[in-house]
Amino acid sequence: MTQITPQQILAQMRQLSAAAQNSPVSSPDNQNKAFTSALTDALNTVSNYQSQASQAARSIESGDGGVSLVKAMIAAQKSSVAFEAAVQVRNRVVSAYQDIMNMPI
């Protein structure tokens, strides 16, 4: 299992920021596809974290020596953090949608 350090996260954020500044403006159709694929990828990642946590928990419960308790707890925390982040994104999207729908024309 790989460890994620704050330096790695900052480096990824800087790369994404640089890529966003250098990317050309695309058509709305491409933007919709990009948003959809980004959202799908994020949800798939959350699903993968939850699957890994479930498998680790099952291994611990069955007494399988292949997974340590520490790794199972880390997998559970990763799953929890990823799920909470997905819920927050969902809440923000719903809030933005409601704000747009309540705008006067």
PDB file of N, CA and C in Angstrom:
ATOM      1  N   MET A   1       0.851  -1.162   0.000  1.00  0.00           N
ATOM      2  CA  MET A   1       0.000   0.000   0.000  1.00  0.00           C
ATOM      3  C   MET A   1       0.902   1.231   0.000  1.00  0.00           C
ATOM      4  N   THR A   2       0.672   2.159  -0.867  1.00  0.00           N
ATOM      5  CA  THR A   2       1.499   3.358  -0.944  1.00  0.00           C
ATOM      6  C   THR A   2       1.015   4.404   0.042  1.00  0.00           C
ATOM      7  N   GLN A   3       1.972   5.160   0.562  1.00  0.00           N
ATOM      8  CA  GLN A   3       1.633   6.228   1.487  1.00  0.00           C
ATOM      9  C   GLN A   3       1.498   7.529   0.716  1.00  0.00           C
ATOM     10  N   ILE A   4       0.564   8.334   1.129  1.00  0.00           N
ATOM     11  CA  ILE A   4       0.351   9.636   0.507  1.00  0.00           C
ATOM     12  C   ILE A   4       0.881  10.684   1.472  1.00  0.00           C
ATOM     13  N   THR A   5       1.807  11.487   0.991  1.00  0.00           N
ATOM     14  CA  THR A   5       2.388  12.528   1.831  1.00  0.00           C
ATOM     15  C   THR A   5       1.840  13.883   1.410  1.00  0.00           C
ATOM     16  N   PRO A   6       1.891  14.848   2.307  1.00  0.00           N
ATOM     17  CA  PRO A   6       1.428  16.192   1.945  1.00  0.00           C
ATOM     18  C   PRO A   6       2.210  16.777   0.769  1.00  0.00           C
ATOM     19  N   GLN A   7       3.481  16.427   0.657  1.00  0.00           N
ATOM     20  CA  GLN A   7       4.285  16.930  -0.449  1.00  0.00           C
ATOM     21  C   GLN A   7       3.776  16.396  -1.784  1.00  0.00           C
ATOM     22  N   GLN A   8       3.348  15.143  -1.811  1.00  0.00           N
ATOM     23  CA  GLN A   8       2.807  14.575  -3.041  1.00  0.00           C
ATOM     24  C   GLN A   8       1.510  15.272  -3.432  1.00  0.00           C
ATOM     25  N   ILE A   9       0.680  15.545  -2.453  1.00  0.00           N
ATOM     26  CA  ILE A   9      -0.587  16.220  -2.737  1.00  0.00           C
ATOM     27  C   ILE A   9      -0.334  17.621  -3.271  1.00  0.00           C
ATOM     28  N   LEU A  10       0.603  18.352  -2.636  1.00  0.00           N
ATOM     29  CA  LEU A  10       0.932  19.698  -3.111  1.00  0.00           C
ATOM     30  C   LEU A  10       1.503  19.666  -4.522  1.00  0.00           C
ATOM     31  N   ALA A  11       2.351  18.680  -4.808  1.00  0.00           N
ATOM     32  CA  ALA A  11       2.926  18.568  -6.147  1.00  0.00           C
ATOM     33  C   ALA A  11       1.835  18.308  -7.181  1.00  0.00           C
ATOM     34  N   GLN A  12       0.878  17.450  -6.850  1.00  0.00           N
ATOM     35  CA  GLN A  12      -0.223  17.176  -7.769  1.00  0.00           C
ATOM     36  C   GLN A  12      -1.078  18.414  -7.980  1.00  0.00           C
ATOM     37  N   MET A  13      -1.314  19.164  -6.903  1.00  0.00           N
ATOM     38  CA  MET A  13      -2.111  20.385  -7.034  1.00  0.00           C
ATOM     39  C   MET A  13      -1.399  21.400  -7.922  1.00  0.00           C
ATOM     40  N   ARG A  14      -0.090  21.512  -7.779  1.00  0.00           N
ATOM     41  CA  ARG A  14       0.670  22.444  -8.619  1.00  0.00           C
ATOM     42  C   ARG A  14       0.637  22.012 -10.084  1.00  0.00           C
ATOM     43  N   GLN A  15       0.749  20.697 -10.326  1.00  0.00           N
ATOM     44  CA  GLN A  15       0.689  20.199 -11.696  1.00  0.00           C
ATOM     45  C   GLN A  15      -0.676  20.483 -12.311  1.00  0.00           C
ATOM     46  N   LEU A  16      -1.723  20.241 -11.552  1.00  0.00           N
ATOM     47  CA  LEU A  16      -3.068  20.503 -12.062  1.00  0.00           C
ATOM     48  C   LEU A  16      -3.285  21.985 -12.312  1.00  0.00           C
ATOM     49  N   SER A  17      -2.760  22.817 -11.434  1.00  0.00           N
ATOM     50  CA  SER A  17      -2.891  24.260 -11.613  1.00  0.00           C
ATOM     51  C   SER A  17      -2.167  24.716 -12.875  1.00  0.00           C
ATOM     52  N   ALA A  18      -0.953  24.204 -13.084  1.00  0.00           N
ATOM     53  CA  ALA A  18      -0.194  24.566 -14.278  1.00  0.00           C
ATOM     54  C   ALA A  18      -0.896  24.067 -15.535  1.00  0.00           C
ATOM     55  N   ALA A  19      -1.437  22.867 -15.479  1.00  0.00           N
ATOM     56  CA  ALA A  19      -2.138  22.319 -16.640  1.00  0.00           C
ATOM     57  C   ALA A  19      -3.397  23.121 -16.938  1.00  0.00           C
ATOM     58  N   ALA A  20      -4.084  23.567 -15.904  1.00  0.00           N
ATOM     59  CA  ALA A  20      -5.304  24.353 -16.107  1.00  0.00           C
ATOM     60  C   ALA A  20      -4.991  25.707 -16.729  1.00  0.00           C
ATOM     61  N   GLN A  21      -3.873  26.298 -16.369  1.00  0.00           N
ATOM     62  CA  GLN A  21      -3.507  27.594 -16.920  1.00  0.00           C
ATOM     63  C   GLN A  21      -3.066  27.487 -18.374  1.00  0.00           C
ATOM     64  N   ASN A  22      -2.500  26.357 -18.748  1.00  0.00           N
ATOM     65  CA  ASN A  22      -1.994  26.180 -20.104  1.00  0.00           C
ATOM     66  C   ASN A  22      -3.005  25.558 -21.051  1.00  0.00           C
ATOM     67  N   SER A  23      -4.128  25.092 -20.535  1.00  0.00           N
ATOM     68  CA  SER A  23      -5.082  24.411 -21.407  1.00  0.00           C
ATOM     69  C   SER A  23      -5.913  25.425 -22.188  1.00  0.00           C
ATOM     70  N   PRO A  24      -6.176  25.134 -23.454  1.00  0.00           N
ATOM     71  CA  PRO A  24      -6.997  26.040 -24.254  1.00  0.00           C
ATOM     72  C   PRO A  24      -8.459  25.954 -23.832  1.00  0.00           C
ATOM     73  N   VAL A  25      -9.189  27.003 -24.118  1.00  0.00           N
ATOM     74  CA  VAL A  25     -10.616  27.020 -23.813  1.00  0.00           C
ATOM     75  C   VAL A  25     -11.311  26.064 -24.775  1.00  0.00           C
ATOM     76  N   SER A  26     -12.132  25.186 -24.226  1.00  0.00           N
ATOM     77  CA  SER A  26     -12.803  24.199 -25.065  1.00  0.00           C
ATOM     78  C   SER A  26     -14.287  24.524 -25.163  1.00  0.00           C
ATOM     79  N   SER A  27     -14.942  23.818 -26.046  1.00  0.00           N
ATOM     80  CA  SER A  27     -16.369  24.036 -26.253  1.00  0.00           C
ATOM     81  C   SER A  27     -17.156  23.519 -25.052  1.00  0.00           C
ATOM     82  N   PRO A  28     -18.387  23.995 -24.863  1.00  0.00           N
ATOM     83  CA  PRO A  28     -19.198  23.522 -23.735  1.00  0.00           C
ATOM     84  C   PRO A  28     -19.420  22.015 -23.746  1.00  0.00           C
ATOM     85  N   ASP A  29     -19.523  21.422 -24.940  1.00  0.00           N
ATOM     86  CA  ASP A  29     -19.730  19.983 -25.014  1.00  0.00           C
ATOM     87  C   ASP A  29     -18.527  19.246 -24.438  1.00  0.00           C
ATOM     88  N   ASN A  30     -17.320  19.702 -24.783  1.00  0.00           N
ATOM     89  CA  ASN A  30     -16.111  19.084 -24.246  1.00  0.00           C
ATOM     90  C   ASN A  30     -15.998  19.316 -22.749  1.00  0.00           C
ATOM     91  N   GLN A  31     -16.434  20.483 -22.283  1.00  0.00           N
ATOM     92  CA  GLN A  31     -16.384  20.768 -20.853  1.00  0.00           C
ATOM     93  C   GLN A  31     -17.336  19.851 -20.098  1.00  0.00           C
ATOM     94  N   ASN A  32     -18.507  19.590 -20.671  1.00  0.00           N
ATOM     95  CA  ASN A  32     -19.458  18.676 -20.035  1.00  0.00           C
ATOM     96  C   ASN A  32     -18.868  17.280 -19.934  1.00  0.00           C
ATOM     97  N   LYS A  33     -18.218  16.833 -21.013  1.00  0.00           N
ATOM     98  CA  LYS A  33     -17.606  15.510 -21.002  1.00  0.00           C
ATOM     99  C   LYS A  33     -16.471  15.459 -19.994  1.00  0.00           C
ATOM    100  N   ALA A  34     -15.683  16.529 -19.912  1.00  0.00           N
ATOM    101  CA  ALA A  34     -14.572  16.559 -18.962  1.00  0.00           C
ATOM    102  C   ALA A  34     -15.095  16.523 -17.530  1.00  0.00           C
ATOM    103  N   PHE A  35     -16.140  17.286 -17.246  1.00  0.00           N
ATOM    104  CA  PHE A  35     -16.723  17.287 -15.903  1.00  0.00           C
ATOM    105  C   PHE A  35     -17.297  15.921 -15.573  1.00  0.00           C
ATOM    106  N   THR A  36     -18.005  15.350 -16.530  1.00  0.00           N
ATOM    107  CA  THR A  36     -18.607  14.038 -16.314  1.00  0.00           C
ATOM    108  C   THR A  36     -17.544  12.979 -16.070  1.00  0.00           C
ATOM    109  N   SER A  37     -16.490  12.994 -16.879  1.00  0.00           N
ATOM    110  CA  SER A  37     -15.441  11.990 -16.694  1.00  0.00           C
ATOM    111  C   SER A  37     -14.686  12.211 -15.389  1.00  0.00           C
ATOM    112  N   ALA A  38     -14.461  13.459 -14.999  1.00  0.00           N
ATOM    113  CA  ALA A  38     -13.781  13.733 -13.728  1.00  0.00           C
ATOM    114  C   ALA A  38     -14.631  13.255 -12.555  1.00  0.00           C
ATOM    115  N   LEU A  39     -15.925  13.503 -12.629  1.00  0.00           N
ATOM    116  CA  LEU A  39     -16.825  13.071 -11.564  1.00  0.00           C
ATOM    117  C   LEU A  39     -16.901  11.549 -11.508  1.00  0.00           C
ATOM    118  N   THR A  40     -16.975  10.918 -12.666  1.00  0.00           N
ATOM    119  CA  THR A  40     -17.015   9.458 -12.720  1.00  0.00           C
ATOM    120  C   THR A  40     -15.736   8.860 -12.160  1.00  0.00           C
ATOM    121  N   ASP A  41     -14.594   9.420 -12.537  1.00  0.00           N
ATOM    122  CA  ASP A  41     -13.314   8.930 -12.018  1.00  0.00           C
ATOM    123  C   ASP A  41     -13.237   9.075 -10.500  1.00  0.00           C
ATOM    124  N   ALA A  42     -13.704  10.198  -9.990  1.00  0.00           N
ATOM    125  CA  ALA A  42     -13.675  10.421  -8.543  1.00  0.00           C
ATOM    126  C   ALA A  42     -14.565   9.413  -7.818  1.00  0.00           C
ATOM    127  N   LEU A  43     -15.748   9.159  -8.361  1.00  0.00           N
ATOM    128  CA  LEU A  43     -16.651   8.195  -7.729  1.00  0.00           C
ATOM    129  C   LEU A  43     -16.101   6.774  -7.816  1.00  0.00           C
ATOM    130  N   ASN A  44     -15.437   6.451  -8.919  1.00  0.00           N
ATOM    131  CA  ASN A  44     -14.804   5.140  -9.033  1.00  0.00           C
ATOM    132  C   ASN A  44     -13.681   4.986  -8.013  1.00  0.00           C
ATOM    133  N   THR A  45     -12.940   6.056  -7.778  1.00  0.00           N
ATOM    134  CA  THR A  45     -11.873   6.022  -6.780  1.00  0.00           C
ATOM    135  C   THR A  45     -12.450   5.788  -5.390  1.00  0.00           C
ATOM    136  N   VAL A  46     -13.537   6.475  -5.071  1.00  0.00           N
ATOM    137  CA  VAL A  46     -14.198   6.274  -3.776  1.00  0.00           C
ATOM    138  C   VAL A  46     -14.664   4.826  -3.655  1.00  0.00           C
ATOM    139  N   SER A  47     -15.237   4.307  -4.714  1.00  0.00           N
ATOM    140  CA  SER A  47     -15.701   2.922  -4.705  1.00  0.00           C
ATOM    141  C   SER A  47     -14.544   1.950  -4.487  1.00  0.00           C
ATOM    142  N   ASN A  48     -13.415   2.208  -5.139  1.00  0.00           N
ATOM    143  CA  ASN A  48     -12.241   1.346  -4.962  1.00  0.00           C
ATOM    144  C   ASN A  48     -11.739   1.388  -3.523  1.00  0.00           C
ATOM    145  N   TYR A  49     -11.679   2.577  -2.929  1.00  0.00           N
ATOM    146  CA  TYR A  49     -11.252   2.693  -1.534  1.00  0.00           C
ATOM    147  C   TYR A  49     -12.193   1.924  -0.612  1.00  0.00           C
ATOM    148  N   GLN A  50     -13.499   2.004  -0.877  1.00  0.00           N
ATOM    149  CA  GLN A  50     -14.457   1.287  -0.044  1.00  0.00           C
ATOM    150  C   GLN A  50     -14.308  -0.223  -0.206  1.00  0.00           C
ATOM    151  N   SER A  51     -14.043  -0.674  -1.421  1.00  0.00           N
ATOM    152  CA  SER A  51     -13.836  -2.104  -1.653  1.00  0.00           C
ATOM    153  C   SER A  51     -12.587  -2.596  -0.933  1.00  0.00           C
ATOM    154  N   GLN A  52     -11.511  -1.815  -1.008  1.00  0.00           N
ATOM    155  CA  GLN A  52     -10.269  -2.191  -0.325  1.00  0.00           C
ATOM    156  C   GLN A  52     -10.479  -2.254   1.184  1.00  0.00           C
ATOM    157  N   ALA A  53     -11.220  -1.293   1.726  1.00  0.00           N
ATOM    158  CA  ALA A  53     -11.487  -1.283   3.166  1.00  0.00           C
ATOM    159  C   ALA A  53     -12.328  -2.491   3.565  1.00  0.00           C
ATOM    160  N   SER A  54     -13.311  -2.834   2.752  1.00  0.00           N
ATOM    161  CA  SER A  54     -14.153  -3.998   3.048  1.00  0.00           C
ATOM    162  C   SER A  54     -13.342  -5.287   3.018  1.00  0.00           C
ATOM    163  N   GLN A  55     -12.489  -5.416   2.010  1.00  0.00           N
ATOM    164  CA  GLN A  55     -11.659  -6.612   1.911  1.00  0.00           C
ATOM    165  C   GLN A  55     -10.701  -6.714   3.090  1.00  0.00           C
ATOM    166  N   ALA A  56     -10.110  -5.595   3.480  1.00  0.00           N
ATOM    167  CA  ALA A  56      -9.189  -5.600   4.613  1.00  0.00           C
ATOM    168  C   ALA A  56      -9.929  -5.959   5.900  1.00  0.00           C
ATOM    169  N   ALA A  57     -11.125  -5.418   6.073  1.00  0.00           N
ATOM    170  CA  ALA A  57     -11.913  -5.725   7.274  1.00  0.00           C
ATOM    171  C   ALA A  57     -12.294  -7.202   7.305  1.00  0.00           C
ATOM    172  N   ARG A  58     -12.697  -7.745   6.159  1.00  0.00           N
ATOM    173  CA  ARG A  58     -13.031  -9.171   6.099  1.00  0.00           C
ATOM    174  C   ARG A  58     -11.825 -10.033   6.432  1.00  0.00           C
ATOM    175  N   SER A  59     -10.652  -9.626   5.951  1.00  0.00           N
ATOM    176  CA  SER A  59      -9.433 -10.385   6.241  1.00  0.00           C
ATOM    177  C   SER A  59      -9.127 -10.379   7.736  1.00  0.00           C
ATOM    178  N   ILE A  60      -9.304  -9.232   8.362  1.00  0.00           N
ATOM    179  CA  ILE A  60      -9.066  -9.140   9.808  1.00  0.00           C
ATOM    180  C   ILE A  60     -10.089  -9.980  10.569  1.00  0.00           C
ATOM    181  N   GLU A  61     -11.361  -9.894  10.169  1.00  0.00           N
ATOM    182  CA  GLU A  61     -12.421 -10.635  10.857  1.00  0.00           C
ATOM    183  C   GLU A  61     -12.237 -12.140  10.738  1.00  0.00           C
ATOM    184  N   SER A  62     -11.740 -12.591   9.589  1.00  0.00           N
ATOM    185  CA  SER A  62     -11.561 -14.026   9.385  1.00  0.00           C
ATOM    186  C   SER A  62     -10.253 -14.536   9.970  1.00  0.00           C
ATOM    187  N   GLY A  63      -9.406 -13.632  10.447  1.00  0.00           N
ATOM    188  CA  GLY A  63      -8.141 -14.045  11.045  1.00  0.00           C
ATOM    189  C   GLY A  63      -7.055 -14.309  10.027  1.00  0.00           C
ATOM    190  N   ASP A  64      -7.264 -13.872   8.806  1.00  0.00           N
ATOM    191  CA  ASP A  64      -6.260 -14.037   7.762  1.00  0.00           C
ATOM    192  C   ASP A  64      -5.034 -13.198   8.120  1.00  0.00           C
ATOM    193  N   GLY A  65      -3.869 -13.804   8.063  1.00  0.00           N
ATOM    194  CA  GLY A  65      -2.646 -13.095   8.442  1.00  0.00           C
ATOM    195  C   GLY A  65      -2.096 -12.207   7.356  1.00  0.00           C
ATOM    196  N   GLY A  66      -2.754 -12.126   6.210  1.00  0.00           N
ATOM    197  CA  GLY A  66      -2.234 -11.350   5.091  1.00  0.00           C
ATOM    198  C   GLY A  66      -2.353  -9.847   5.265  1.00  0.00           C
ATOM    199  N   VAL A  67      -3.237  -9.406   6.150  1.00  0.00           N
ATOM    200  CA  VAL A  67      -3.466  -7.973   6.331  1.00  0.00           C
ATOM    201  C   VAL A  67      -3.313  -7.647   7.814  1.00  0.00           C
ATOM    202  N   SER A  68      -2.508  -6.640   8.101  1.00  0.00           N
ATOM    203  CA  SER A  68      -2.356  -6.228   9.497  1.00  0.00           C
ATOM    204  C   SER A  68      -3.511  -5.314   9.892  1.00  0.00           C
ATOM    205  N   LEU A  69      -3.724  -5.204  11.178  1.00  0.00           N
ATOM    206  CA  LEU A  69      -4.782  -4.347  11.691  1.00  0.00           C
ATOM    207  C   LEU A  69      -4.530  -2.892  11.313  1.00  0.00           C
ATOM    208  N   VAL A  70      -3.276  -2.495  11.327  1.00  0.00           N
ATOM    209  CA  VAL A  70      -2.919  -1.113  10.978  1.00  0.00           C
ATOM    210  C   VAL A  70      -3.308  -0.812   9.537  1.00  0.00           C
ATOM    211  N   LYS A  71      -2.996  -1.720   8.620  1.00  0.00           N
ATOM    212  CA  LYS A  71      -3.341  -1.508   7.210  1.00  0.00           C
ATOM    213  C   LYS A  71      -4.853  -1.482   7.018  1.00  0.00           C
ATOM    214  N   ALA A  72      -5.557  -2.317   7.761  1.00  0.00           N
ATOM    215  CA  ALA A  72      -7.017  -2.324   7.656  1.00  0.00           C
ATOM    216  C   ALA A  72      -7.598  -1.007   8.158  1.00  0.00           C
ATOM    217  N   MET A  73      -7.056  -0.481   9.244  1.00  0.00           N
ATOM    218  CA  MET A  73      -7.543   0.792   9.780  1.00  0.00           C
ATOM    219  C   MET A  73      -7.227   1.944   8.833  1.00  0.00           C
ATOM    220  N   ILE A  74      -6.056   1.917   8.227  1.00  0.00           N
ATOM    221  CA  ILE A  74      -5.693   2.962   7.262  1.00  0.00           C
ATOM    222  C   ILE A  74      -6.623   2.903   6.057  1.00  0.00           C
ATOM    223  N   ALA A  75      -6.912   1.698   5.577  1.00  0.00           N
ATOM    224  CA  ALA A  75      -7.829   1.547   4.440  1.00  0.00           C
ATOM    225  C   ALA A  75      -9.217   2.065   4.803  1.00  0.00           C
ATOM    226  N   ALA A  76      -9.661   1.794   6.033  1.00  0.00           N
ATOM    227  CA  ALA A  76     -10.973   2.275   6.464  1.00  0.00           C
ATOM    228  C   ALA A  76     -10.994   3.796   6.539  1.00  0.00           C
ATOM    229  N   GLN A  77      -9.917   4.402   7.022  1.00  0.00           N
ATOM    230  CA  GLN A  77      -9.861   5.861   7.113  1.00  0.00           C
ATOM    231  C   GLN A  77      -9.801   6.508   5.731  1.00  0.00           C
ATOM    232  N   LYS A  78      -9.035   5.910   4.812  1.00  0.00           N
ATOM    233  CA  LYS A  78      -8.994   6.425   3.435  1.00  0.00           C
ATOM    234  C   LYS A  78     -10.388   6.390   2.828  1.00  0.00           C
ATOM    235  N   SER A  79     -11.077   5.282   3.051  1.00  0.00           N
ATOM    236  CA  SER A  79     -12.430   5.134   2.527  1.00  0.00           C
ATOM    237  C   SER A  79     -13.353   6.189   3.119  1.00  0.00           C
ATOM    238  N   SER A  80     -13.238   6.403   4.409  1.00  0.00           N
ATOM    239  CA  SER A  80     -14.086   7.381   5.088  1.00  0.00           C
ATOM    240  C   SER A  80     -13.825   8.796   4.587  1.00  0.00           C
ATOM    241  N   VAL A  81     -12.561   9.165   4.460  1.00  0.00           N
ATOM    242  CA  VAL A  81     -12.211  10.511   3.994  1.00  0.00           C
ATOM    243  C   VAL A  81     -12.670  10.719   2.555  1.00  0.00           C
ATOM    244  N   ALA A  82     -12.460   9.715   1.710  1.00  0.00           N
ATOM    245  CA  ALA A  82     -12.873   9.828   0.310  1.00  0.00           C
ATOM    246  C   ALA A  82     -14.390   9.961   0.201  1.00  0.00           C
ATOM    247  N   PHE A  83     -15.114   9.198   1.004  1.00  0.00           N
ATOM    248  CA  PHE A  83     -16.574   9.269   0.966  1.00  0.00           C
ATOM    249  C   PHE A  83     -17.062  10.628   1.452  1.00  0.00           C
ATOM    250  N   GLU A  84     -16.482  11.126   2.530  1.00  0.00           N
ATOM    251  CA  GLU A  84     -16.875  12.443   3.044  1.00  0.00           C
ATOM    252  C   GLU A  84     -16.596  13.538   2.014  1.00  0.00           C
ATOM    253  N   ALA A  85     -15.471  13.433   1.320  1.00  0.00           N
ATOM    254  CA  ALA A  85     -15.157  14.412   0.277  1.00  0.00           C
ATOM    255  C   ALA A  85     -16.183  14.341  -0.848  1.00  0.00           C
ATOM    256  N   ALA A  86     -16.574  13.126  -1.228  1.00  0.00           N
ATOM    257  CA  ALA A  86     -17.579  12.966  -2.283  1.00  0.00           C
ATOM    258  C   ALA A  86     -18.921  13.553  -1.846  1.00  0.00           C
ATOM    259  N   VAL A  87     -19.276  13.374  -0.597  1.00  0.00           N
ATOM    260  CA  VAL A  87     -20.529  13.939  -0.083  1.00  0.00           C
ATOM    261  C   VAL A  87     -20.466  15.462  -0.114  1.00  0.00           C
ATOM    262  N   GLN A  88     -19.329  16.035   0.260  1.00  0.00           N
ATOM    263  CA  GLN A  88     -19.188  17.490   0.242  1.00  0.00           C
ATOM    264  C   GLN A  88     -19.274  18.040  -1.183  1.00  0.00           C
ATOM    265  N   VAL A  89     -18.668  17.335  -2.136  1.00  0.00           N
ATOM    266  CA  VAL A  89     -18.762  17.762  -3.539  1.00  0.00           C
ATOM    267  C   VAL A  89     -20.210  17.702  -3.993  1.00  0.00           C
ATOM    268  N   ARG A  90     -20.893  16.624  -3.643  1.00  0.00           N
ATOM    269  CA  ARG A  90     -22.305  16.506  -4.000  1.00  0.00           C
ATOM    270  C   ARG A  90     -23.120  17.652  -3.418  1.00  0.00           C
ATOM    271  N   ASN A  91     -22.864  17.970  -2.154  1.00  0.00           N
ATOM    272  CA  ASN A  91     -23.596  19.064  -1.509  1.00  0.00           C
ATOM    273  C   ASN A  91     -23.339  20.394  -2.206  1.00  0.00           C
ATOM    274  N   ARG A  92     -22.099  20.622  -2.603  1.00  0.00           N
ATOM    275  CA  ARG A  92     -21.771  21.878  -3.294  1.00  0.00           C
ATOM    276  C   ARG A  92     -22.444  21.942  -4.662  1.00  0.00           C
ATOM    277  N   VAL A  93     -22.464  20.831  -5.372  1.00  0.00           N
ATOM    278  CA  VAL A  93     -23.098  20.800  -6.692  1.00  0.00           C
ATOM    279  C   VAL A  93     -24.598  21.045  -6.557  1.00  0.00           C
ATOM    280  N   VAL A  94     -25.224  20.413  -5.591  1.00  0.00           N
ATOM    281  CA  VAL A  94     -26.661  20.613  -5.375  1.00  0.00           C
ATOM    282  C   VAL A  94     -26.940  22.058  -4.986  1.00  0.00           C
ATOM    283  N   SER A  95     -26.109  22.622  -4.131  1.00  0.00           N
ATOM    284  CA  SER A  95     -26.282  24.014  -3.715  1.00  0.00           C
ATOM    285  C   SER A  95     -26.131  24.968  -4.905  1.00  0.00           C
ATOM    286  N   ALA A  96     -25.133  24.721  -5.742  1.00  0.00           N
ATOM    287  CA  ALA A  96     -24.935  25.567  -6.923  1.00  0.00           C
ATOM    288  C   ALA A  96     -26.124  25.447  -7.874  1.00  0.00           C
ATOM    289  N   TYR A  97     -26.622  24.238  -8.057  1.00  0.00           N
ATOM    290  CA  TYR A  97     -27.787  24.025  -8.918  1.00  0.00           C
ATOM    291  C   TYR A  97     -28.997  24.783  -8.377  1.00  0.00           C
ATOM    292  N   GLN A  98     -29.214  24.707  -7.074  1.00  0.00           N
ATOM    293  CA  GLN A  98     -30.352  25.410  -6.478  1.00  0.00           C
ATOM    294  C   GLN A  98     -30.198  26.920  -6.615  1.00  0.00           C
ATOM    295  N   ASP A  99     -28.972  27.419  -6.450  1.00  0.00           N
ATOM    296  CA  ASP A  99     -28.734  28.856  -6.627  1.00  0.00           C
ATOM    297  C   ASP A  99     -29.052  29.292  -8.053  1.00  0.00           C
ATOM    298  N   ILE A 100     -28.640  28.493  -9.015  1.00  0.00           N
ATOM    299  CA  ILE A 100     -28.897  28.823 -10.421  1.00  0.00           C
ATOM    300  C   ILE A 100     -30.395  28.775 -10.710  1.00  0.00           C
ATOM    301  N   MET A 101     -31.073  27.773 -10.174  1.00  0.00           N
ATOM    302  CA  MET A 101     -32.509  27.645 -10.419  1.00  0.00           C
ATOM    303  C   MET A 101     -33.304  28.773  -9.763  1.00  0.00           C
ATOM    304  N   ASN A 102     -32.796  29.343  -8.689  1.00  0.00           N
ATOM    305  CA  ASN A 102     -33.499  30.422  -7.989  1.00  0.00           C
ATOM    306  C   ASN A 102     -33.173  31.805  -8.540  1.00  0.00           C
ATOM    307  N   MET A 103     -32.292  31.883  -9.530  1.00  0.00           N
ATOM    308  CA  MET A 103     -31.954  33.182 -10.116  1.00  0.00           C
ATOM    309  C   MET A 103     -33.119  33.707 -10.946  1.00  0.00           C
ATOM    310  N   PRO A 104     -33.387  35.000 -10.835  1.00  0.00           N
ATOM    311  CA  PRO A 104     -34.435  35.568 -11.693  1.00  0.00           C
ATOM    312  C   PRO A 104     -33.930  35.671 -13.134  1.00  0.00           C
ATOM    313  N   ILE A 105     -34.845  35.546 -14.048  1.00  0.00           N
ATOM    314  CA  ILE A 105     -34.467  35.607 -15.468  1.00  0.00           C
ATOM    315  C   ILE A 105     -34.546  37.020 -15.967  1.00  0.00           C
TER     316      ILE A 105
END
